[in-house]
């Protein structure tokens, strides 16, 4: 295994996930605000599941998205 290639691959994946996740959350919040579904002062529980079938990894991360 090439550690440098491996670490670069992980970093690229996590960057892609982080950037795209943030974009999706921002769009969902903007739509909910525009629709009047939310007031903009709430907090929401959030969960992310990381799964890599090739080596049977499945981990859940829980957190919270706070709007104000």
C-alpha atoms as a PDB file:
ATOM      1  CA  UNK A   1       0.000   0.000   0.000  1.00  0.00           C
ATOM      2  CA  UNK A   2       1.222   3.471  -0.834  1.00  0.00           C
ATOM      3  CA  UNK A   3       0.490   5.621   2.247  1.00  0.00           C
ATOM      4  CA  UNK A   4       0.794   8.897   0.332  1.00  0.00           C
ATOM      5  CA  UNK A   5      -1.673   7.844  -2.359  1.00  0.00           C
ATOM      6  CA  UNK A   6      -4.001   6.424   0.291  1.00  0.00           C
ATOM      7  CA  UNK A   7      -3.973   9.605   2.406  1.00  0.00           C
ATOM      8  CA  UNK A   8      -4.462  11.823  -0.653  1.00  0.00           C
ATOM      9  CA  UNK A   9      -7.401   9.665  -1.734  1.00  0.00           C
ATOM     10  CA  UNK A  10      -9.028   9.969   1.699  1.00  0.00           C
ATOM     11  CA  UNK A  11      -8.523  13.744   1.765  1.00  0.00           C
ATOM     12  CA  UNK A  12     -10.024  14.170  -1.718  1.00  0.00           C
ATOM     13  CA  UNK A  13     -13.027  12.068  -0.757  1.00  0.00           C
ATOM     14  CA  UNK A  14     -13.619  13.943   2.503  1.00  0.00           C
ATOM     15  CA  UNK A  15     -13.253  17.320   0.779  1.00  0.00           C
ATOM     16  CA  UNK A  16     -15.808  16.308  -1.860  1.00  0.00           C
ATOM     17  CA  UNK A  17     -18.201  15.065   0.825  1.00  0.00           C
ATOM     18  CA  UNK A  18     -17.753  18.199   2.930  1.00  0.00           C
ATOM     19  CA  UNK A  19     -18.213  20.677   0.084  1.00  0.00           C
ATOM     20  CA  UNK A  20     -21.197  18.875  -1.431  1.00  0.00           C
ATOM     21  CA  UNK A  21     -22.836  18.269   1.951  1.00  0.00           C
ATOM     22  CA  UNK A  22     -22.552  21.931   2.875  1.00  0.00           C
ATOM     23  CA  UNK A  23     -24.045  22.951  -0.468  1.00  0.00           C
ATOM     24  CA  UNK A  24     -26.975  20.555  -0.073  1.00  0.00           C
ATOM     25  CA  UNK A  25     -27.686  21.726   3.472  1.00  0.00           C
ATOM     26  CA  UNK A  26     -27.544  25.392   2.439  1.00  0.00           C
ATOM     27  CA  UNK A  27     -29.951  24.778  -0.468  1.00  0.00           C
ATOM     28  CA  UNK A  28     -32.356  22.814   1.722  1.00  0.00           C
ATOM     29  CA  UNK A  29     -32.367  25.537   4.383  1.00  0.00           C
ATOM     30  CA  UNK A  30     -32.864  28.294   1.793  1.00  0.00           C
ATOM     31  CA  UNK A  31     -35.798  26.394   0.256  1.00  0.00           C
ATOM     32  CA  UNK A  32     -37.375  25.709   3.656  1.00  0.00           C
ATOM     33  CA  UNK A  33     -37.027  29.380   4.600  1.00  0.00           C
ATOM     34  CA  UNK A  34     -38.549  30.484   1.286  1.00  0.00           C
ATOM     35  CA  UNK A  35     -41.421  27.996   1.672  1.00  0.00           C
ATOM     36  CA  UNK A  36     -42.037  29.135   5.233  1.00  0.00           C
ATOM     37  CA  UNK A  37     -41.448  25.599   6.481  1.00  0.00           C
ATOM     38  CA  UNK A  38     -38.915  26.835   9.026  1.00  0.00           C
ATOM     39  CA  UNK A  39     -38.445  30.165  10.792  1.00  0.00           C
ATOM     40  CA  UNK A  40     -34.659  30.233  10.695  1.00  0.00           C
ATOM     41  CA  UNK A  41     -34.129  30.009  14.438  1.00  0.00           C
ATOM     42  CA  UNK A  42     -34.258  26.230  14.805  1.00  0.00           C
ATOM     43  CA  UNK A  43     -31.676  23.569  15.422  1.00  0.00           C
ATOM     44  CA  UNK A  44     -31.873  20.238  13.644  1.00  0.00           C
ATOM     45  CA  UNK A  45     -30.333  16.885  14.504  1.00  0.00           C
ATOM     46  CA  UNK A  46     -28.159  15.571  11.678  1.00  0.00           C
ATOM     47  CA  UNK A  47     -26.682  12.173  10.940  1.00  0.00           C
ATOM     48  CA  UNK A  48     -24.095  11.026   8.408  1.00  0.00           C
ATOM     49  CA  UNK A  49     -23.322   7.414   7.638  1.00  0.00           C
ATOM     50  CA  UNK A  50     -19.929   6.513   6.203  1.00  0.00           C
ATOM     51  CA  UNK A  51     -20.002   3.152   4.498  1.00  0.00           C
ATOM     52  CA  UNK A  52     -17.262   1.376   2.576  1.00  0.00           C
ATOM     53  CA  UNK A  53     -18.485  -2.077   1.630  1.00  0.00           C
ATOM     54  CA  UNK A  54     -15.066  -3.301   0.441  1.00  0.00           C
ATOM     55  CA  UNK A  55     -13.791  -3.594   3.997  1.00  0.00           C
ATOM     56  CA  UNK A  56     -17.087  -3.678   5.859  1.00  0.00           C
ATOM     57  CA  UNK A  57     -16.924  -0.218   7.398  1.00  0.00           C
ATOM     58  CA  UNK A  58     -20.156   1.410   8.494  1.00  0.00           C
ATOM     59  CA  UNK A  59     -19.959   4.277  10.987  1.00  0.00           C
ATOM     60  CA  UNK A  60     -22.600   6.839  11.916  1.00  0.00           C
ATOM     61  CA  UNK A  61     -21.805  10.383  13.001  1.00  0.00           C
ATOM     62  CA  UNK A  62     -24.440  12.437  14.829  1.00  0.00           C
ATOM     63  CA  UNK A  63     -24.474  16.184  15.198  1.00  0.00           C
ATOM     64  CA  UNK A  64     -26.648  19.244  15.047  1.00  0.00           C
ATOM     65  CA  UNK A  65     -27.223  22.019  12.513  1.00  0.00           C
ATOM     66  CA  UNK A  66     -28.073  25.273  14.274  1.00  0.00           C
ATOM     67  CA  UNK A  67     -29.512  28.193  12.319  1.00  0.00           C
ATOM     68  CA  UNK A  68     -29.196  30.874  14.958  1.00  0.00           C
END
